[in-house]
């Protein structure tokens, strides 16, 4: 558990970058509201934040070949690797279908395939990044608790856990209702937007879906960590 004075400056920078990446990710998922040009600029911001994120976590990357791989470490590492491929695929396919920032590199021959790849990588990336946040949620909660002057009351903790479960359940409903599986498995080749929806409603749904995968990863990570402790 961190105390107020124990939260390192580097950790604060990492958290700031992660918060910015989450905000940009949600912005990217509101394509129908922000338009093509803003979407491309946000994509560039996400790329820069992604690179900066890995620079800040370079020591973790250097340690990939060291030590034993517990089930939790395997789970965490697989998610990070898949996020990297999704990000790479999103950027390459985004350049090939760009209408503004990289319009001179747009390929008419590859446009349809690149659009499909962009859809695939975007939705898998969203899901995996949400899971990545979930694996770090204990640390985030620890830092938040360290900023509180008084311990969190037991009843409040229980209410927050119920709220988290409720968000995950609503996220599961929106995940199915918004036909996200059809994008993840390429059953649909284009996003079906609800043009009657407001921006706030879309953000609410995206946050709920993010909450679903954050919740699943958080509890899966907890189970895997308990398994490691039992083995030791």
C-alpha atoms as a PDB file:
ATOM      1  CA  UNK A   1       0.000   0.000   0.000  1.00  0.00           C
ATOM      2  CA  UNK A   2       1.323   3.421  -0.921  1.00  0.00           C
ATOM      3  CA  UNK A   3       1.210   6.305   1.514  1.00  0.00           C
ATOM      4  CA  UNK A   4       0.792   9.878   0.313  1.00  0.00           C
ATOM      5  CA  UNK A   5       4.551  10.471   0.401  1.00  0.00           C
ATOM      6  CA  UNK A   6       5.436   7.087  -1.114  1.00  0.00           C
ATOM      7  CA  UNK A   7       3.818   7.526  -4.542  1.00  0.00           C
ATOM      8  CA  UNK A   8       6.865   7.980  -6.812  1.00  0.00           C
ATOM      9  CA  UNK A   9       6.898  10.777  -9.372  1.00  0.00           C
ATOM     10  CA  UNK A  10       7.470   8.235 -12.156  1.00  0.00           C
ATOM     11  CA  UNK A  11       4.359   6.336 -11.080  1.00  0.00           C
ATOM     12  CA  UNK A  12       2.344   9.556 -11.209  1.00  0.00           C
ATOM     13  CA  UNK A  13       3.591  10.180 -14.763  1.00  0.00           C
ATOM     14  CA  UNK A  14       2.674   6.619 -15.767  1.00  0.00           C
ATOM     15  CA  UNK A  15      -0.812   7.015 -14.346  1.00  0.00           C
ATOM     16  CA  UNK A  16      -1.254  10.344 -16.122  1.00  0.00           C
ATOM     17  CA  UNK A  17      -0.236   8.767 -19.440  1.00  0.00           C
ATOM     18  CA  UNK A  18      -2.580   5.822 -18.831  1.00  0.00           C
ATOM     19  CA  UNK A  19      -5.490   8.160 -18.036  1.00  0.00           C
ATOM     20  CA  UNK A  20      -4.797  10.147 -21.209  1.00  0.00           C
ATOM     21  CA  UNK A  21      -4.634   6.934 -23.268  1.00  0.00           C
ATOM     22  CA  UNK A  22      -7.971   5.817 -21.831  1.00  0.00           C
ATOM     23  CA  UNK A  23      -9.568   9.179 -22.657  1.00  0.00           C
ATOM     24  CA  UNK A  24      -8.168   9.123 -26.212  1.00  0.00           C
ATOM     25  CA  UNK A  25      -9.296   5.514 -26.652  1.00  0.00           C
ATOM     26  CA  UNK A  26     -12.857   6.471 -25.726  1.00  0.00           C
ATOM     27  CA  UNK A  27     -12.627   9.425 -28.111  1.00  0.00           C
ATOM     28  CA  UNK A  28     -11.530   7.151 -30.939  1.00  0.00           C
ATOM     29  CA  UNK A  29     -14.563   4.943 -30.355  1.00  0.00           C
ATOM     30  CA  UNK A  30     -16.904   7.927 -30.924  1.00  0.00           C
ATOM     31  CA  UNK A  31     -15.972   8.143 -34.609  1.00  0.00           C
ATOM     32  CA  UNK A  32     -19.497   8.957 -35.791  1.00  0.00           C
ATOM     33  CA  UNK A  33     -19.517  12.123 -33.646  1.00  0.00           C
ATOM     34  CA  UNK A  34     -15.995  13.495 -34.050  1.00  0.00           C
ATOM     35  CA  UNK A  35     -15.555  12.823 -37.782  1.00  0.00           C
ATOM     36  CA  UNK A  36     -12.720  11.414 -39.893  1.00  0.00           C
ATOM     37  CA  UNK A  37     -10.183  14.223 -39.443  1.00  0.00           C
ATOM     38  CA  UNK A  38     -10.431  14.375 -35.647  1.00  0.00           C
ATOM     39  CA  UNK A  39     -10.330  10.573 -35.541  1.00  0.00           C
ATOM     40  CA  UNK A  40      -7.034  10.567 -37.441  1.00  0.00           C
ATOM     41  CA  UNK A  41      -5.508  13.205 -35.166  1.00  0.00           C
ATOM     42  CA  UNK A  42      -6.598  11.272 -32.087  1.00  0.00           C
ATOM     43  CA  UNK A  43      -5.020   8.187 -33.625  1.00  0.00           C
ATOM     44  CA  UNK A  44      -1.712  10.045 -33.883  1.00  0.00           C
ATOM     45  CA  UNK A  45      -2.010  11.181 -30.255  1.00  0.00           C
ATOM     46  CA  UNK A  46      -2.677   7.575 -29.225  1.00  0.00           C
ATOM     47  CA  UNK A  47       0.435   6.418 -31.097  1.00  0.00           C
ATOM     48  CA  UNK A  48       2.619   8.990 -29.315  1.00  0.00           C
ATOM     49  CA  UNK A  49       1.144   8.088 -25.920  1.00  0.00           C
ATOM     50  CA  UNK A  50       1.601   4.384 -26.687  1.00  0.00           C
ATOM     51  CA  UNK A  51       5.299   4.906 -27.484  1.00  0.00           C
ATOM     52  CA  UNK A  52       5.770   7.079 -24.376  1.00  0.00           C
ATOM     53  CA  UNK A  53       3.981   4.443 -22.272  1.00  0.00           C
ATOM     54  CA  UNK A  54       6.501   1.805 -23.378  1.00  0.00           C
ATOM     55  CA  UNK A  55       9.451   4.123 -22.778  1.00  0.00           C
ATOM     56  CA  UNK A  56       8.228   4.614 -19.209  1.00  0.00           C
ATOM     57  CA  UNK A  57       7.840   0.843 -18.818  1.00  0.00           C
ATOM     58  CA  UNK A  58      11.079  -0.124 -20.569  1.00  0.00           C
ATOM     59  CA  UNK A  59      12.406  -1.867 -17.445  1.00  0.00           C
ATOM     60  CA  UNK A  60       9.395  -4.222 -17.593  1.00  0.00           C
ATOM     61  CA  UNK A  61      10.121  -4.941 -21.257  1.00  0.00           C
ATOM     62  CA  UNK A  62      13.779  -5.703 -20.476  1.00  0.00           C
ATOM     63  CA  UNK A  63      12.695  -8.210 -17.853  1.00  0.00           C
ATOM     64  CA  UNK A  64      10.547 -10.284 -20.212  1.00  0.00           C
ATOM     65  CA  UNK A  65      13.292 -12.875 -20.670  1.00  0.00           C
ATOM     66  CA  UNK A  66      14.069 -13.163 -16.974  1.00  0.00           C
ATOM     67  CA  UNK A  67      12.508 -15.074 -14.129  1.00  0.00           C
ATOM     68  CA  UNK A  68       9.759 -17.661 -13.979  1.00  0.00           C
ATOM     69  CA  UNK A  69       6.431 -17.214 -15.699  1.00  0.00           C
ATOM     70  CA  UNK A  70       3.549 -17.688 -13.302  1.00  0.00           C
ATOM     71  CA  UNK A  71       0.016 -18.048 -14.751  1.00  0.00           C
ATOM     72  CA  UNK A  72      -0.598 -14.379 -13.879  1.00  0.00           C
ATOM     73  CA  UNK A  73       2.583 -13.231 -15.638  1.00  0.00           C
ATOM     74  CA  UNK A  74       1.707 -15.297 -18.723  1.00  0.00           C
ATOM     75  CA  UNK A  75      -1.786 -13.763 -18.783  1.00  0.00           C
ATOM     76  CA  UNK A  76      -0.419 -10.232 -18.404  1.00  0.00           C
ATOM     77  CA  UNK A  77       2.318 -10.713 -21.018  1.00  0.00           C
ATOM     78  CA  UNK A  78      -0.020 -12.248 -23.607  1.00  0.00           C
ATOM     79  CA  UNK A  79      -2.393  -9.285 -23.246  1.00  0.00           C
ATOM     80  CA  UNK A  80       0.472  -6.790 -23.697  1.00  0.00           C
ATOM     81  CA  UNK A  81       1.762  -8.598 -26.808  1.00  0.00           C
ATOM     82  CA  UNK A  82      -1.718  -8.739 -28.345  1.00  0.00           C
ATOM     83  CA  UNK A  83      -2.221  -5.028 -27.625  1.00  0.00           C
ATOM     84  CA  UNK A  84       1.035  -4.299 -29.448  1.00  0.00           C
ATOM     85  CA  UNK A  85      -0.140  -6.195 -32.543  1.00  0.00           C
ATOM     86  CA  UNK A  86      -3.547  -4.510 -32.418  1.00  0.00           C
ATOM     87  CA  UNK A  87      -1.930  -1.085 -32.134  1.00  0.00           C
ATOM     88  CA  UNK A  88       0.470  -1.836 -34.981  1.00  0.00           C
ATOM     89  CA  UNK A  89      -2.376  -3.149 -37.140  1.00  0.00           C
ATOM     90  CA  UNK A  90      -4.548  -0.122 -36.346  1.00  0.00           C
ATOM     91  CA  UNK A  91      -1.793   2.311 -37.293  1.00  0.00           C
ATOM     92  CA  UNK A  92      -0.802   0.595 -40.557  1.00  0.00           C
ATOM     93  CA  UNK A  93      -4.398   0.067 -41.680  1.00  0.00           C
ATOM     94  CA  UNK A  94      -5.276   3.611 -40.563  1.00  0.00           C
ATOM     95  CA  UNK A  95      -2.570   5.047 -42.807  1.00  0.00           C
ATOM     96  CA  UNK A  96      -3.817   2.986 -45.766  1.00  0.00           C
ATOM     97  CA  UNK A  97      -7.373   4.337 -45.409  1.00  0.00           C
ATOM     98  CA  UNK A  98      -6.434   7.870 -44.293  1.00  0.00           C
ATOM     99  CA  UNK A  99      -8.379  10.695 -45.922  1.00  0.00           C
ATOM    100  CA  UNK A 100      -6.404  13.593 -44.397  1.00  0.00           C
ATOM    101  CA  UNK A 101      -3.076  13.136 -42.586  1.00  0.00           C
ATOM    102  CA  UNK A 102      -1.701  10.382 -44.839  1.00  0.00           C
ATOM    103  CA  UNK A 103      -3.938  10.765 -47.874  1.00  0.00           C
ATOM    104  CA  UNK A 104      -0.961  10.460 -50.252  1.00  0.00           C
ATOM    105  CA  UNK A 105      -0.323   6.957 -48.902  1.00  0.00           C
ATOM    106  CA  UNK A 106      -3.916   5.782 -49.215  1.00  0.00           C
ATOM    107  CA  UNK A 107      -4.164   2.593 -51.256  1.00  0.00           C
ATOM    108  CA  UNK A 108      -7.313   2.162 -53.337  1.00  0.00           C
ATOM    109  CA  UNK A 109      -6.353  -1.460 -54.016  1.00  0.00           C
ATOM    110  CA  UNK A 110      -6.024  -2.284 -50.315  1.00  0.00           C
ATOM    111  CA  UNK A 111      -8.738   0.048 -49.025  1.00  0.00           C
ATOM    112  CA  UNK A 112     -11.384  -2.607 -48.362  1.00  0.00           C
ATOM    113  CA  UNK A 113      -8.947  -5.026 -46.706  1.00  0.00           C
ATOM    114  CA  UNK A 114      -7.347  -2.218 -44.681  1.00  0.00           C
ATOM    115  CA  UNK A 115     -10.769  -0.992 -43.508  1.00  0.00           C
ATOM    116  CA  UNK A 116     -11.615  -4.489 -42.329  1.00  0.00           C
ATOM    117  CA  UNK A 117      -8.251  -4.824 -40.571  1.00  0.00           C
ATOM    118  CA  UNK A 118      -8.778  -1.438 -38.900  1.00  0.00           C
ATOM    119  CA  UNK A 119     -12.193  -2.504 -37.608  1.00  0.00           C
ATOM    120  CA  UNK A 120     -10.785  -5.799 -36.320  1.00  0.00           C
ATOM    121  CA  UNK A 121      -7.752  -4.252 -34.593  1.00  0.00           C
ATOM    122  CA  UNK A 122      -9.732  -1.343 -33.137  1.00  0.00           C
ATOM    123  CA  UNK A 123     -12.307  -3.471 -31.324  1.00  0.00           C
ATOM    124  CA  UNK A 124      -9.848  -6.126 -30.159  1.00  0.00           C
ATOM    125  CA  UNK A 125      -7.513  -3.340 -29.038  1.00  0.00           C
ATOM    126  CA  UNK A 126     -10.324  -1.678 -27.077  1.00  0.00           C
ATOM    127  CA  UNK A 127     -11.162  -4.934 -25.328  1.00  0.00           C
ATOM    128  CA  UNK A 128      -7.527  -5.834 -24.564  1.00  0.00           C
ATOM    129  CA  UNK A 129      -6.617  -2.347 -23.328  1.00  0.00           C
ATOM    130  CA  UNK A 130      -9.600  -2.487 -20.982  1.00  0.00           C
ATOM    131  CA  UNK A 131      -8.294  -5.804 -19.650  1.00  0.00           C
ATOM    132  CA  UNK A 132      -4.818  -4.299 -19.266  1.00  0.00           C
ATOM    133  CA  UNK A 133      -6.304  -1.546 -17.089  1.00  0.00           C
ATOM    134  CA  UNK A 134      -8.091  -4.220 -15.053  1.00  0.00           C
ATOM    135  CA  UNK A 135      -4.823  -5.985 -14.280  1.00  0.00           C
ATOM    136  CA  UNK A 136      -3.459  -2.726 -12.839  1.00  0.00           C
ATOM    137  CA  UNK A 137      -6.642  -1.779 -10.990  1.00  0.00           C
ATOM    138  CA  UNK A 138      -5.388  -2.986  -7.592  1.00  0.00           C
ATOM    139  CA  UNK A 139      -2.404  -0.670  -7.847  1.00  0.00           C
ATOM    140  CA  UNK A 140      -4.642   2.214  -8.934  1.00  0.00           C
ATOM    141  CA  UNK A 141      -7.002   1.576  -6.015  1.00  0.00           C
ATOM    142  CA  UNK A 142      -4.032   1.397  -3.653  1.00  0.00           C
ATOM    143  CA  UNK A 143      -2.825   4.809  -4.782  1.00  0.00           C
ATOM    144  CA  UNK A 144      -6.343   6.248  -4.509  1.00  0.00           C
ATOM    145  CA  UNK A 145      -6.662   4.909  -0.950  1.00  0.00           C
ATOM    146  CA  UNK A 146      -3.317   6.491  -0.061  1.00  0.00           C
ATOM    147  CA  UNK A 147      -4.749   9.889  -1.026  1.00  0.00           C
ATOM    148  CA  UNK A 148      -7.675   9.505   1.367  1.00  0.00           C
ATOM    149  CA  UNK A 149      -7.344  11.048   4.820  1.00  0.00           C
ATOM    150  CA  UNK A 150      -9.511   8.334   6.410  1.00  0.00           C
ATOM    151  CA  UNK A 151      -9.826   4.589   5.671  1.00  0.00           C
ATOM    152  CA  UNK A 152     -12.653   3.642   3.342  1.00  0.00           C
ATOM    153  CA  UNK A 153     -15.696   2.485   5.405  1.00  0.00           C
ATOM    154  CA  UNK A 154     -16.570  -1.200   4.963  1.00  0.00           C
ATOM    155  CA  UNK A 155     -20.103  -0.401   3.791  1.00  0.00           C
ATOM    156  CA  UNK A 156     -18.753   1.960   1.130  1.00  0.00           C
ATOM    157  CA  UNK A 157     -16.365  -0.727  -0.101  1.00  0.00           C
ATOM    158  CA  UNK A 158     -19.257  -3.177  -0.428  1.00  0.00           C
ATOM    159  CA  UNK A 159     -21.379  -0.621  -2.263  1.00  0.00           C
ATOM    160  CA  UNK A 160     -18.532   0.055  -4.696  1.00  0.00           C
ATOM    161  CA  UNK A 161     -18.135  -3.680  -5.380  1.00  0.00           C
ATOM    162  CA  UNK A 162     -21.874  -3.957  -6.084  1.00  0.00           C
ATOM    163  CA  UNK A 163     -21.636  -0.913  -8.365  1.00  0.00           C
ATOM    164  CA  UNK A 164     -18.690  -2.476 -10.222  1.00  0.00           C
ATOM    165  CA  UNK A 165     -20.657  -5.698 -10.741  1.00  0.00           C
ATOM    166  CA  UNK A 166     -23.644  -3.679 -11.966  1.00  0.00           C
ATOM    167  CA  UNK A 167     -21.490  -1.782 -14.468  1.00  0.00           C
ATOM    168  CA  UNK A 168     -20.037  -5.080 -15.705  1.00  0.00           C
ATOM    169  CA  UNK A 169     -23.526  -6.556 -16.156  1.00  0.00           C
ATOM    170  CA  UNK A 170     -24.712  -3.503 -18.065  1.00  0.00           C
ATOM    171  CA  UNK A 171     -21.493  -3.639 -20.101  1.00  0.00           C
ATOM    172  CA  UNK A 172     -22.245  -7.270 -20.985  1.00  0.00           C
ATOM    173  CA  UNK A 173     -25.719  -6.240 -22.157  1.00  0.00           C
ATOM    174  CA  UNK A 174     -24.342  -3.398 -24.317  1.00  0.00           C
ATOM    175  CA  UNK A 175     -21.585  -5.692 -25.608  1.00  0.00           C
ATOM    176  CA  UNK A 176     -24.216  -8.028 -27.042  1.00  0.00           C
ATOM    177  CA  UNK A 177     -26.797  -5.373 -27.969  1.00  0.00           C
ATOM    178  CA  UNK A 178     -24.216  -3.260 -29.834  1.00  0.00           C
ATOM    179  CA  UNK A 179     -23.108  -6.359 -31.776  1.00  0.00           C
ATOM    180  CA  UNK A 180     -19.481  -6.074 -30.677  1.00  0.00           C
ATOM    181  CA  UNK A 181     -18.816  -9.838 -31.176  1.00  0.00           C
ATOM    182  CA  UNK A 182     -19.664  -9.423 -34.875  1.00  0.00           C
ATOM    183  CA  UNK A 183     -16.812  -6.892 -35.179  1.00  0.00           C
ATOM    184  CA  UNK A 184     -14.378  -8.983 -33.139  1.00  0.00           C
ATOM    185  CA  UNK A 185     -14.934 -12.020 -35.359  1.00  0.00           C
ATOM    186  CA  UNK A 186     -15.443 -10.139 -38.646  1.00  0.00           C
ATOM    187  CA  UNK A 187     -19.032 -11.267 -39.090  1.00  0.00           C
ATOM    188  CA  UNK A 188     -19.821  -7.646 -39.975  1.00  0.00           C
ATOM    189  CA  UNK A 189     -17.515  -5.660 -42.260  1.00  0.00           C
ATOM    190  CA  UNK A 190     -18.615  -2.196 -41.161  1.00  0.00           C
ATOM    191  CA  UNK A 191     -19.747  -0.513 -37.943  1.00  0.00           C
ATOM    192  CA  UNK A 192     -23.507  -0.106 -37.610  1.00  0.00           C
ATOM    193  CA  UNK A 193     -23.990   3.279 -35.927  1.00  0.00           C
ATOM    194  CA  UNK A 194     -27.129   4.323 -34.100  1.00  0.00           C
ATOM    195  CA  UNK A 195     -27.530   7.855 -35.437  1.00  0.00           C
ATOM    196  CA  UNK A 196     -30.292   8.557 -32.914  1.00  0.00           C
ATOM    197  CA  UNK A 197     -27.864   8.048 -30.023  1.00  0.00           C
ATOM    198  CA  UNK A 198     -26.337  11.039 -28.253  1.00  0.00           C
ATOM    199  CA  UNK A 199     -22.625  11.418 -27.547  1.00  0.00           C
ATOM    200  CA  UNK A 200     -23.222  10.952 -23.810  1.00  0.00           C
ATOM    201  CA  UNK A 201     -25.107   7.722 -24.422  1.00  0.00           C
ATOM    202  CA  UNK A 202     -22.344   6.359 -26.654  1.00  0.00           C
ATOM    203  CA  UNK A 203     -19.695   7.265 -24.063  1.00  0.00           C
ATOM    204  CA  UNK A 204     -21.810   5.647 -21.343  1.00  0.00           C
ATOM    205  CA  UNK A 205     -22.034   2.431 -23.344  1.00  0.00           C
ATOM    206  CA  UNK A 206     -18.323   2.417 -24.202  1.00  0.00           C
ATOM    207  CA  UNK A 207     -17.412   3.006 -20.543  1.00  0.00           C
ATOM    208  CA  UNK A 208     -19.716   0.166 -19.495  1.00  0.00           C
ATOM    209  CA  UNK A 209     -18.157  -2.227 -22.020  1.00  0.00           C
ATOM    210  CA  UNK A 210     -14.713  -1.113 -20.872  1.00  0.00           C
ATOM    211  CA  UNK A 211     -15.880  -1.730 -17.302  1.00  0.00           C
ATOM    212  CA  UNK A 212     -16.949  -5.263 -18.237  1.00  0.00           C
ATOM    213  CA  UNK A 213     -13.502  -6.289 -19.475  1.00  0.00           C
ATOM    214  CA  UNK A 214     -11.756  -4.368 -16.699  1.00  0.00           C
ATOM    215  CA  UNK A 215     -13.886  -6.290 -14.193  1.00  0.00           C
ATOM    216  CA  UNK A 216     -13.208  -9.660 -15.837  1.00  0.00           C
ATOM    217  CA  UNK A 217      -9.448  -9.067 -16.011  1.00  0.00           C
ATOM    218  CA  UNK A 218      -9.335  -7.736 -12.444  1.00  0.00           C
ATOM    219  CA  UNK A 219     -10.941 -10.868 -11.012  1.00  0.00           C
ATOM    220  CA  UNK A 220      -9.116 -13.257 -13.356  1.00  0.00           C
ATOM    221  CA  UNK A 221      -5.836 -11.658 -12.286  1.00  0.00           C
ATOM    222  CA  UNK A 222      -6.835 -12.018  -8.632  1.00  0.00           C
ATOM    223  CA  UNK A 223      -7.577 -15.731  -9.097  1.00  0.00           C
ATOM    224  CA  UNK A 224      -4.257 -16.300 -10.889  1.00  0.00           C
ATOM    225  CA  UNK A 225      -2.330 -14.471  -8.163  1.00  0.00           C
ATOM    226  CA  UNK A 226      -4.009 -16.586  -5.464  1.00  0.00           C
ATOM    227  CA  UNK A 227      -3.075 -19.709  -7.438  1.00  0.00           C
ATOM    228  CA  UNK A 228       0.570 -18.597  -7.398  1.00  0.00           C
ATOM    229  CA  UNK A 229       0.473 -18.038  -3.615  1.00  0.00           C
ATOM    230  CA  UNK A 230      -0.974 -21.536  -3.043  1.00  0.00           C
ATOM    231  CA  UNK A 231       1.785 -23.073  -5.183  1.00  0.00           C
ATOM    232  CA  UNK A 232       4.423 -21.251  -3.113  1.00  0.00           C
END
